[in-house]
Amino acid sequence: MATRPRQIYYLDHSEDFDLSGLTGRICSRIGLRIDAPSVLSVAHHMATEQVDRQLGTDIRLLLEAPLSDDALRHAWMASTPACFDATDDGQGIRDWLHRLADICPVGEEDVNLDESDGLDEIRPQIREEALRDLVRDEIAELTPRLQYALPAPDTVAALHAIVQHADAELGLRMFLRAVKAYSVPIPAE
């Protein structure tokens, strides 16, 4: 008697979500710059219509972390290459992030109703410090390629600071967004 293969259920995130999703959407029109009201409208739509609670969580993690304004700006610019500079109109990057946070509702922990509680038993669990080490290693491996591609040499340090002081998962997503935004080749292993 043939055994039936075990089915594994997962969510396919074909599009970016959270802060990297926002920055990806505002840069999706190649060659076009976008203005602040448009970015705020996209963020509001993501946070309310698409119920992306992680967007507000990400922004608040950045604001609550002991990150310099330069680190925040470099990380933002790495995610939005030439599409939108939040500081163009004279406001600071923290002011911009506060404006974004204000339109993203504060809700309960990011709960995905599509996932079963049973997945927690088979989902890999990793401690924050272990994840930080893994993300720092990934960034370090691509540092030469990143520094070649990114316009500001301090961007890699900014990504490291987010991993270290804000949140490792957020740092990973911002790192991947920068890699994607600047078409940094990743060596095959």
Protein backbone atom coordinates (compact mmCIF):
# COMPACT_ATOMS: atom_id res chain seq x y z
CA MET A 1 0.00 0.00 0.00
CA ALA A 2 1.46 3.35 -1.03
CA THR A 3 1.66 5.98 1.63
CA ARG A 4 0.29 9.37 0.96
CA PRO A 5 2.90 12.17 1.06
CA ARG A 6 2.69 14.46 4.06
CA GLN A 7 1.16 17.78 3.19
CA ILE A 8 2.82 20.91 4.45
CA TYR A 9 0.82 24.09 4.56
CA TYR A 10 2.45 27.48 4.38
CA LEU A 11 1.72 31.01 3.35
CA ASP A 12 3.25 32.19 0.12
CA HIS A 13 4.28 35.82 0.38
CA SER A 14 4.58 36.54 -3.31
CA GLU A 15 4.72 40.25 -2.56
CA ASP A 16 6.76 42.04 0.05
CA PHE A 17 4.84 43.13 3.11
CA ASP A 18 5.57 45.39 6.09
CA LEU A 19 8.13 48.18 5.76
CA SER A 20 9.96 46.47 2.89
CA GLY A 21 6.62 46.05 1.15
CA LEU A 22 5.89 49.75 1.49
CA THR A 23 9.29 50.77 0.15
CA GLY A 24 8.99 48.25 -2.66
CA ARG A 25 5.61 49.59 -3.68
CA ILE A 26 6.69 53.21 -3.74
CA CYS A 27 9.62 52.30 -5.97
CA SER A 28 7.69 49.97 -8.27
CA ARG A 29 7.40 52.64 -10.95
CA ILE A 30 10.89 52.70 -12.41
CA GLY A 31 12.21 56.17 -12.95
CA LEU A 32 9.33 57.96 -11.25
CA ARG A 33 9.63 59.88 -8.01
CA ILE A 34 6.74 59.83 -5.61
CA ASP A 35 5.65 62.54 -3.17
CA ALA A 36 5.01 62.31 0.59
CA PRO A 37 1.18 62.39 0.39
CA SER A 38 1.26 59.48 -2.06
CA VAL A 39 3.56 57.45 0.20
CA LEU A 40 1.31 58.16 3.18
CA SER A 41 -1.70 57.06 1.14
CA VAL A 42 -0.02 53.78 0.16
CA ALA A 43 1.00 53.16 3.80
CA HIS A 44 -2.52 53.92 5.02
CA HIS A 45 -3.98 51.52 2.46
CA MET A 46 -1.55 48.78 3.48
CA ALA A 47 -2.18 49.26 7.19
CA THR A 48 -5.97 49.50 7.02
CA GLU A 49 -7.33 47.91 3.84
CA GLN A 50 -4.80 45.08 3.68
CA VAL A 51 -4.51 44.86 7.46
CA ASP A 52 -0.71 44.85 7.43
CA ARG A 53 -0.13 45.38 11.14
CA GLN A 54 3.54 44.54 10.73
CA LEU A 55 4.09 47.85 8.92
CA GLY A 56 3.28 49.87 12.04
CA THR A 57 5.24 47.45 14.21
CA ASP A 58 8.32 47.83 11.99
CA ILE A 59 8.15 51.61 12.07
CA ARG A 60 7.76 51.66 15.84
CA LEU A 61 10.69 49.24 16.26
CA LEU A 62 12.88 51.67 14.33
CA LEU A 63 11.67 54.67 16.32
CA GLU A 64 12.14 52.95 19.69
CA ALA A 65 15.63 51.62 18.91
CA PRO A 66 18.72 53.62 19.80
CA LEU A 67 19.55 54.31 16.16
CA SER A 68 21.10 57.51 14.89
CA ASP A 69 19.21 59.68 12.43
CA ASP A 70 21.94 58.93 9.88
CA ALA A 71 21.45 55.17 10.29
CA LEU A 72 17.69 55.53 9.84
CA ARG A 73 18.11 57.71 6.76
CA HIS A 74 20.70 55.40 5.17
CA ALA A 75 18.47 52.37 5.74
CA TRP A 76 15.46 54.22 4.29
CA MET A 77 17.44 55.35 1.26
CA ALA A 78 18.77 51.82 0.70
CA SER A 79 15.16 50.65 0.51
CA THR A 80 13.93 53.48 -1.72
CA PRO A 81 16.73 54.24 -4.17
CA ALA A 82 16.06 57.62 -5.77
CA CYS A 83 12.28 57.08 -5.52
CA PHE A 84 11.54 59.00 -2.37
CA ASP A 85 13.80 60.84 0.05
CA ALA A 86 11.74 61.49 3.15
CA THR A 87 14.00 64.38 4.13
CA ASP A 88 13.71 66.33 0.84
CA ASP A 89 11.20 68.77 2.28
CA GLY A 90 13.39 69.63 5.26
CA GLN A 91 11.84 67.31 7.82
CA GLY A 92 13.99 64.83 9.68
CA ILE A 93 13.80 61.09 9.14
CA ARG A 94 12.34 60.58 12.63
CA ASP A 95 9.60 63.11 11.86
CA TRP A 96 8.83 61.17 8.70
CA LEU A 97 8.71 57.84 10.55
CA HIS A 98 6.40 59.38 13.15
CA ARG A 99 4.06 60.52 10.35
CA LEU A 100 4.01 56.96 9.03
CA ALA A 101 3.46 55.53 12.52
CA ASP A 102 0.53 57.90 13.07
CA ILE A 103 -1.40 56.42 10.15
CA CYS A 104 -0.65 52.79 11.06
CA PRO A 105 -3.02 51.55 13.75
CA VAL A 106 -1.54 50.11 16.89
CA GLY A 107 -3.03 46.68 17.18
CA GLU A 108 -2.52 43.41 18.87
CA GLU A 109 0.47 41.31 17.99
CA ASP A 110 0.58 40.55 14.29
CA VAL A 111 -1.88 37.68 14.12
CA ASN A 112 -2.36 35.88 10.87
CA LEU A 113 -5.75 34.23 10.86
CA ASP A 114 -4.79 32.10 7.86
CA GLU A 115 -2.27 30.16 9.90
CA SER A 116 -3.19 27.38 12.24
CA ASP A 117 -1.96 27.30 15.82
CA GLY A 118 -0.72 23.79 15.00
CA LEU A 119 2.00 25.26 12.80
CA ASP A 120 3.78 26.54 15.91
CA GLU A 121 4.73 22.96 16.70
CA ILE A 122 6.55 22.40 13.39
CA ARG A 123 7.71 25.97 12.71
CA PRO A 124 11.42 26.40 13.42
CA GLN A 125 12.07 28.41 16.57
CA ILE A 126 15.15 30.59 16.79
CA ARG A 127 16.23 32.96 19.53
CA GLU A 128 16.69 36.64 18.71
CA GLU A 129 20.44 36.58 19.40
CA ALA A 130 20.97 33.56 17.17
CA LEU A 131 18.99 35.25 14.40
CA ARG A 132 21.06 38.41 14.86
CA ASP A 133 24.23 36.38 14.35
CA LEU A 134 22.87 34.74 11.20
CA VAL A 135 21.71 38.04 9.70
CA ARG A 136 25.00 39.78 10.53
CA ASP A 137 26.85 36.92 8.82
CA GLU A 138 24.69 37.28 5.70
CA ILE A 139 25.27 41.02 5.58
CA ALA A 140 29.00 40.54 6.12
CA GLU A 141 29.17 38.04 3.26
CA LEU A 142 27.62 40.52 0.84
CA THR A 143 29.29 43.65 2.22
CA PRO A 144 31.77 44.06 -0.67
CA ARG A 145 28.99 43.74 -3.24
CA LEU A 146 26.66 45.99 -1.24
CA GLN A 147 29.25 48.71 -0.80
CA TYR A 148 29.92 48.65 -4.52
CA ALA A 149 26.21 48.95 -5.37
CA LEU A 150 24.93 51.28 -2.66
CA PRO A 151 25.51 55.03 -3.04
CA ALA A 152 26.36 55.65 0.65
CA PRO A 153 29.18 53.70 2.31
CA ASP A 154 27.48 53.97 5.73
CA THR A 155 24.46 51.96 4.60
CA VAL A 156 25.93 48.59 5.56
CA ALA A 157 26.66 49.92 9.05
CA ALA A 158 23.06 51.19 9.24
CA LEU A 159 21.72 47.74 8.35
CA HIS A 160 23.96 46.18 11.01
CA ALA A 161 22.66 48.71 13.55
CA ILE A 162 19.05 47.79 12.81
CA VAL A 163 19.84 44.10 13.26
CA GLN A 164 21.68 44.79 16.51
CA HIS A 165 19.48 47.44 18.12
CA ALA A 166 15.99 47.21 16.61
CA ASP A 167 15.06 43.71 15.49
CA ALA A 168 16.92 40.96 13.66
CA GLU A 169 13.98 39.97 11.45
CA LEU A 170 13.31 43.59 10.49
CA GLY A 171 17.03 44.02 9.76
CA LEU A 172 16.94 40.94 7.53
CA ARG A 173 13.94 42.22 5.60
CA MET A 174 15.53 45.66 5.14
CA PHE A 175 18.79 44.04 4.05
CA LEU A 176 16.94 41.90 1.49
CA ARG A 177 15.04 44.96 0.25
CA ALA A 178 18.33 46.82 -0.30
CA VAL A 179 19.78 43.79 -2.12
CA LYS A 180 16.67 43.68 -4.31
CA ALA A 181 16.49 47.45 -4.87
CA TYR A 182 20.10 47.67 -6.03
CA SER A 183 20.16 44.31 -7.87
CA VAL A 184 23.06 43.04 -5.79
CA PRO A 185 24.00 39.58 -7.09
CA ILE A 186 23.95 36.83 -4.49
CA PRO A 187 26.50 34.07 -5.10
CA ALA A 188 25.04 30.59 -5.56
CA GLU A 189 26.13 28.11 -2.94
